[in-house]
Amino acid sequence: MDLPITGWHAHVYYDPTTTKAAAETLREGIAAGFPAAVLGRWHEVPVGPHTAAMYQVAFAPELFPRLVPWLALHRAALSVLVHPETGRQRADHTRHALWMGPPLPLKAEILPE
C-alpha cells in the first residue's frame, strides 16, 4: 500500500563548537532561497531520535525538486537527513530516509511504528 507524502523534513546536523557557522550559513541560504520552507528551532543537544545537535526544515512536496538538490550542493560538510512525512514516523526516519553526507545513528526505537 502506498502512503501519500504530505510533506518533507530535512534535519541539518552540526556540532555546536565546530560546524555551527556552516549550519548558520546553510540556514540563511534556505531562508533566502526557499521562503515557503519552515525553519525549526536550533537544538544544541540531541532531541528525540536524533543523536546530534540539529535543526529541522519542513517543506511541501512541491519544493522537493528544487530544495533537495540545493541542499546537496550547499550543505558543506554537514550531514543532512531528508525524509517524507507519511504518518509512519519510524519508517519515515529509517526506510524512507535519504542521507547527504555521513549518516548518523538514530534512536529509531523511540519512534512510533
N, C-alpha and C. Protein backbone atom coordinates (compact mmCIF):
# COMPACT_ATOMS: atom_id res chain seq x y z
N MET A 1 0.84 -1.18 0.00
CA MET A 1 0.00 0.00 0.00
C MET A 1 0.88 1.24 0.00
N ASP A 2 0.66 2.13 -0.94
CA ASP A 2 1.40 3.39 -0.98
C ASP A 2 0.73 4.41 -0.08
N LEU A 3 1.54 5.04 0.73
CA LEU A 3 1.04 6.09 1.61
C LEU A 3 1.33 7.44 0.96
N PRO A 4 0.41 8.38 1.08
CA PRO A 4 0.67 9.70 0.49
C PRO A 4 1.76 10.44 1.27
N ILE A 5 2.59 11.15 0.55
CA ILE A 5 3.60 12.01 1.18
C ILE A 5 2.96 13.38 1.35
N THR A 6 2.75 13.77 2.59
CA THR A 6 2.09 15.04 2.87
C THR A 6 3.08 16.19 3.05
N GLY A 7 4.35 15.86 3.21
CA GLY A 7 5.39 16.87 3.39
C GLY A 7 6.73 16.20 3.51
N TRP A 8 7.75 17.02 3.67
CA TRP A 8 9.13 16.54 3.83
C TRP A 8 9.79 17.27 4.99
N HIS A 9 10.75 16.61 5.61
CA HIS A 9 11.60 17.23 6.62
C HIS A 9 13.05 17.00 6.24
N ALA A 10 13.85 18.01 6.47
CA ALA A 10 15.31 17.87 6.38
C ALA A 10 15.84 18.19 7.77
N HIS A 11 16.66 17.31 8.31
CA HIS A 11 17.32 17.55 9.60
C HIS A 11 18.77 17.86 9.29
N VAL A 12 19.20 19.06 9.64
CA VAL A 12 20.57 19.51 9.39
C VAL A 12 21.34 19.35 10.70
N TYR A 13 22.33 18.47 10.70
CA TYR A 13 23.11 18.16 11.89
C TYR A 13 24.39 18.99 11.91
N TYR A 14 24.79 19.39 13.11
CA TYR A 14 26.00 20.20 13.25
C TYR A 14 26.60 19.96 14.63
N ASP A 15 27.83 20.36 14.78
CA ASP A 15 28.50 20.35 16.08
C ASP A 15 28.50 21.78 16.59
N PRO A 16 27.93 22.04 17.77
CA PRO A 16 27.85 23.42 18.26
C PRO A 16 29.19 24.13 18.40
N THR A 17 30.27 23.38 18.53
CA THR A 17 31.58 24.03 18.72
C THR A 17 32.40 24.13 17.44
N THR A 18 32.09 23.30 16.42
CA THR A 18 32.96 23.32 15.24
C THR A 18 32.24 23.60 13.92
N THR A 19 30.98 23.27 13.79
CA THR A 19 30.32 23.44 12.49
C THR A 19 29.04 24.27 12.55
N LYS A 20 28.81 24.96 13.66
CA LYS A 20 27.58 25.76 13.75
C LYS A 20 27.58 26.89 12.71
N ALA A 21 28.73 27.49 12.45
CA ALA A 21 28.78 28.58 11.45
C ALA A 21 28.34 28.07 10.09
N ALA A 22 28.77 26.88 9.71
CA ALA A 22 28.34 26.30 8.43
C ALA A 22 26.84 26.05 8.44
N ALA A 23 26.31 25.59 9.57
CA ALA A 23 24.87 25.35 9.68
C ALA A 23 24.09 26.66 9.60
N GLU A 24 24.65 27.73 10.17
CA GLU A 24 24.00 29.04 10.08
C GLU A 24 23.98 29.55 8.65
N THR A 25 25.10 29.39 7.94
CA THR A 25 25.17 29.82 6.54
C THR A 25 24.16 29.05 5.69
N LEU A 26 24.07 27.75 5.91
CA LEU A 26 23.10 26.93 5.17
C LEU A 26 21.68 27.39 5.47
N ARG A 27 21.40 27.63 6.74
CA ARG A 27 20.06 28.07 7.16
C ARG A 27 19.69 29.40 6.50
N GLU A 28 20.64 30.33 6.46
CA GLU A 28 20.39 31.63 5.83
C GLU A 28 20.08 31.45 4.34
N GLY A 29 20.79 30.54 3.69
CA GLY A 29 20.55 30.27 2.28
C GLY A 29 19.18 29.66 2.04
N ILE A 30 18.77 28.76 2.93
CA ILE A 30 17.43 28.16 2.82
C ILE A 30 16.37 29.25 2.98
N ALA A 31 16.53 30.09 4.00
CA ALA A 31 15.55 31.16 4.25
C ALA A 31 15.45 32.11 3.06
N ALA A 32 16.58 32.45 2.47
CA ALA A 32 16.58 33.40 1.35
C ALA A 32 16.03 32.78 0.07
N GLY A 33 16.38 31.54 -0.21
CA GLY A 33 16.00 30.92 -1.47
C GLY A 33 14.69 30.17 -1.47
N PHE A 34 14.23 29.81 -0.26
CA PHE A 34 13.03 28.98 -0.14
C PHE A 34 12.14 29.52 0.99
N PRO A 35 11.56 30.69 0.80
CA PRO A 35 10.78 31.31 1.88
C PRO A 35 9.57 30.48 2.32
N ALA A 36 9.10 29.55 1.50
CA ALA A 36 7.96 28.72 1.90
C ALA A 36 8.38 27.59 2.85
N ALA A 37 9.68 27.32 2.94
CA ALA A 37 10.16 26.29 3.88
C ALA A 37 10.06 26.84 5.30
N VAL A 38 9.74 25.97 6.24
CA VAL A 38 9.60 26.36 7.65
C VAL A 38 10.84 25.90 8.40
N LEU A 39 11.57 26.86 8.92
CA LEU A 39 12.79 26.56 9.67
C LEU A 39 12.45 26.33 11.13
N GLY A 40 12.86 25.17 11.64
CA GLY A 40 12.60 24.83 13.03
C GLY A 40 13.66 25.41 13.96
N ARG A 41 13.43 25.19 15.24
CA ARG A 41 14.34 25.70 16.27
C ARG A 41 15.70 25.01 16.21
N TRP A 42 16.69 25.71 16.71
CA TRP A 42 18.01 25.11 16.91
C TRP A 42 17.92 24.19 18.12
N HIS A 43 18.46 23.00 18.00
CA HIS A 43 18.55 22.07 19.13
C HIS A 43 20.04 21.82 19.36
N GLU A 44 20.59 22.46 20.38
CA GLU A 44 22.02 22.37 20.67
C GLU A 44 22.41 21.02 21.26
N VAL A 45 21.44 20.28 21.73
CA VAL A 45 21.67 18.94 22.29
C VAL A 45 20.75 17.97 21.57
N PRO A 46 21.10 16.69 21.58
CA PRO A 46 20.23 15.71 20.91
C PRO A 46 18.80 15.76 21.45
N VAL A 47 17.85 15.58 20.55
CA VAL A 47 16.43 15.60 20.91
C VAL A 47 15.72 14.50 20.13
N GLY A 48 14.77 13.85 20.78
CA GLY A 48 14.01 12.78 20.12
C GLY A 48 14.92 11.67 19.65
N PRO A 49 14.72 11.21 18.43
CA PRO A 49 15.55 10.12 17.93
C PRO A 49 16.93 10.58 17.43
N HIS A 50 17.15 11.89 17.41
CA HIS A 50 18.38 12.44 16.85
C HIS A 50 19.50 12.42 17.88
N THR A 51 20.69 12.02 17.45
CA THR A 51 21.81 11.84 18.37
C THR A 51 22.85 12.95 18.27
N ALA A 52 22.50 14.04 17.60
CA ALA A 52 23.40 15.18 17.47
C ALA A 52 22.57 16.45 17.44
N ALA A 53 23.24 17.56 17.65
CA ALA A 53 22.59 18.86 17.54
C ALA A 53 22.06 19.02 16.11
N MET A 54 20.92 19.69 15.98
CA MET A 54 20.33 19.84 14.64
C MET A 54 19.25 20.89 14.64
N TYR A 55 18.83 21.26 13.44
CA TYR A 55 17.57 21.99 13.24
C TYR A 55 16.84 21.31 12.10
N GLN A 56 15.54 21.52 12.08
CA GLN A 56 14.69 20.87 11.08
C GLN A 56 14.19 21.90 10.08
N VAL A 57 14.03 21.47 8.85
CA VAL A 57 13.42 22.28 7.81
C VAL A 57 12.22 21.48 7.29
N ALA A 58 11.03 22.03 7.40
CA ALA A 58 9.82 21.38 6.89
C ALA A 58 9.44 22.05 5.57
N PHE A 59 9.04 21.22 4.59
CA PHE A 59 8.69 21.80 3.31
C PHE A 59 7.68 20.91 2.58
N ALA A 60 6.93 21.54 1.72
CA ALA A 60 5.87 20.87 0.95
C ALA A 60 6.48 20.04 -0.17
N PRO A 61 5.76 19.00 -0.60
CA PRO A 61 6.27 18.14 -1.67
C PRO A 61 6.69 18.90 -2.94
N GLU A 62 5.98 19.98 -3.25
CA GLU A 62 6.34 20.70 -4.48
C GLU A 62 7.69 21.41 -4.41
N LEU A 63 8.24 21.60 -3.19
CA LEU A 63 9.57 22.20 -3.07
C LEU A 63 10.70 21.17 -3.22
N PHE A 64 10.38 19.89 -3.09
CA PHE A 64 11.40 18.85 -3.12
C PHE A 64 12.34 18.95 -4.33
N PRO A 65 11.83 19.09 -5.56
CA PRO A 65 12.73 19.08 -6.73
C PRO A 65 13.73 20.23 -6.76
N ARG A 66 13.46 21.30 -6.03
CA ARG A 66 14.39 22.43 -6.00
C ARG A 66 15.22 22.45 -4.72
N LEU A 67 14.58 22.21 -3.57
CA LEU A 67 15.26 22.34 -2.29
C LEU A 67 16.27 21.22 -2.04
N VAL A 68 15.91 19.99 -2.33
CA VAL A 68 16.82 18.87 -2.02
C VAL A 68 18.10 18.95 -2.86
N PRO A 69 18.04 19.19 -4.16
CA PRO A 69 19.30 19.37 -4.90
C PRO A 69 20.12 20.56 -4.39
N TRP A 70 19.44 21.64 -4.01
CA TRP A 70 20.15 22.80 -3.46
C TRP A 70 20.88 22.40 -2.18
N LEU A 71 20.20 21.64 -1.29
CA LEU A 71 20.86 21.17 -0.07
C LEU A 71 22.08 20.32 -0.40
N ALA A 72 21.96 19.45 -1.40
CA ALA A 72 23.08 18.58 -1.77
C ALA A 72 24.31 19.40 -2.17
N LEU A 73 24.10 20.51 -2.83
CA LEU A 73 25.22 21.32 -3.30
C LEU A 73 25.74 22.32 -2.28
N HIS A 74 24.94 22.67 -1.29
CA HIS A 74 25.31 23.74 -0.36
C HIS A 74 25.49 23.29 1.09
N ARG A 75 25.39 22.01 1.38
CA ARG A 75 25.44 21.55 2.77
C ARG A 75 26.83 21.58 3.38
N ALA A 76 27.84 21.91 2.59
CA ALA A 76 29.24 21.90 3.04
C ALA A 76 29.55 20.48 3.53
N ALA A 77 30.10 20.34 4.71
CA ALA A 77 30.43 19.01 5.24
C ALA A 77 29.38 18.51 6.22
N LEU A 78 28.23 19.17 6.27
CA LEU A 78 27.19 18.80 7.23
C LEU A 78 26.43 17.55 6.76
N SER A 79 26.02 16.75 7.71
CA SER A 79 25.12 15.63 7.40
C SER A 79 23.69 16.13 7.43
N VAL A 80 22.91 15.67 6.46
CA VAL A 80 21.50 16.08 6.36
C VAL A 80 20.67 14.82 6.13
N LEU A 81 19.65 14.65 6.96
CA LEU A 81 18.67 13.58 6.80
C LEU A 81 17.43 14.19 6.18
N VAL A 82 17.00 13.66 5.05
CA VAL A 82 15.76 14.12 4.39
C VAL A 82 14.79 12.94 4.43
N HIS A 83 13.58 13.21 4.92
CA HIS A 83 12.60 12.12 4.97
C HIS A 83 11.20 12.62 4.68
N PRO A 84 10.36 11.74 4.12
CA PRO A 84 8.98 12.13 3.85
C PRO A 84 8.15 12.09 5.12
N GLU A 85 7.01 12.71 5.04
CA GLU A 85 6.00 12.64 6.10
C GLU A 85 4.84 11.81 5.55
N THR A 86 4.73 10.57 6.03
CA THR A 86 3.64 9.69 5.59
C THR A 86 2.74 9.29 6.75
N GLY A 87 3.10 9.73 7.96
CA GLY A 87 2.36 9.32 9.14
C GLY A 87 2.95 8.09 9.82
N ARG A 88 3.99 7.54 9.24
CA ARG A 88 4.70 6.38 9.83
C ARG A 88 6.09 6.84 10.21
N GLN A 89 6.20 7.40 11.43
CA GLN A 89 7.43 8.08 11.83
C GLN A 89 8.68 7.22 11.77
N ARG A 90 8.59 5.99 12.27
CA ARG A 90 9.79 5.15 12.28
C ARG A 90 10.25 4.84 10.85
N ALA A 91 9.33 4.44 10.01
CA ALA A 91 9.68 4.14 8.62
C ALA A 91 10.17 5.39 7.90
N ASP A 92 9.53 6.53 8.17
CA ASP A 92 9.94 7.77 7.50
C ASP A 92 11.39 8.14 7.84
N HIS A 93 11.79 7.96 9.10
CA HIS A 93 13.15 8.31 9.53
C HIS A 93 14.19 7.24 9.18
N THR A 94 13.74 6.04 8.78
CA THR A 94 14.70 4.96 8.51
C THR A 94 14.56 4.45 7.08
N ARG A 95 13.56 3.64 6.81
CA ARG A 95 13.44 3.00 5.49
C ARG A 95 13.22 4.00 4.35
N HIS A 96 12.53 5.08 4.62
CA HIS A 96 12.21 6.04 3.56
C HIS A 96 13.18 7.22 3.50
N ALA A 97 14.21 7.20 4.33
CA ALA A 97 15.10 8.35 4.50
C ALA A 97 16.18 8.42 3.42
N LEU A 98 16.60 9.64 3.14
CA LEU A 98 17.73 9.93 2.26
C LEU A 98 18.79 10.64 3.10
N TRP A 99 20.03 10.23 2.97
CA TRP A 99 21.12 10.87 3.70
C TRP A 99 22.04 11.59 2.72
N MET A 100 22.45 12.79 3.12
CA MET A 100 23.50 13.54 2.44
C MET A 100 24.63 13.63 3.44
N GLY A 101 25.81 13.21 3.04
CA GLY A 101 26.93 13.16 3.97
C GLY A 101 26.85 11.90 4.81
N PRO A 102 27.75 11.76 5.77
CA PRO A 102 27.76 10.54 6.58
C PRO A 102 26.47 10.40 7.40
N PRO A 103 25.84 9.23 7.32
CA PRO A 103 24.65 9.01 8.16
C PRO A 103 25.03 8.99 9.64
N LEU A 104 24.15 9.50 10.45
CA LEU A 104 24.33 9.49 11.90
C LEU A 104 23.40 8.46 12.51
N PRO A 105 23.77 7.91 13.64
CA PRO A 105 22.86 6.95 14.28
C PRO A 105 21.59 7.66 14.75
N LEU A 106 20.49 6.96 14.69
CA LEU A 106 19.21 7.45 15.20
C LEU A 106 18.71 6.48 16.25
N LYS A 107 17.98 6.99 17.22
CA LYS A 107 17.31 6.14 18.19
C LYS A 107 15.90 5.87 17.67
N ALA A 108 15.83 5.12 16.59
CA ALA A 108 14.56 4.87 15.90
C ALA A 108 13.57 4.12 16.76
N GLU A 109 14.06 3.35 17.72
CA GLU A 109 13.15 2.54 18.56
C GLU A 109 12.20 3.41 19.38
N ILE A 110 12.52 4.68 19.57
CA ILE A 110 11.61 5.54 20.34
C ILE A 110 10.48 6.13 19.48
N LEU A 111 10.60 5.97 18.18
CA LEU A 111 9.56 6.48 17.28
C LEU A 111 8.43 5.48 17.15
N PRO A 112 7.19 5.97 17.08
CA PRO A 112 6.08 5.03 16.84
C PRO A 112 6.18 4.41 15.46
N GLU A 113 5.65 3.19 15.36
CA GLU A 113 5.66 2.47 14.07
C GLU A 113 4.82 3.21 13.04
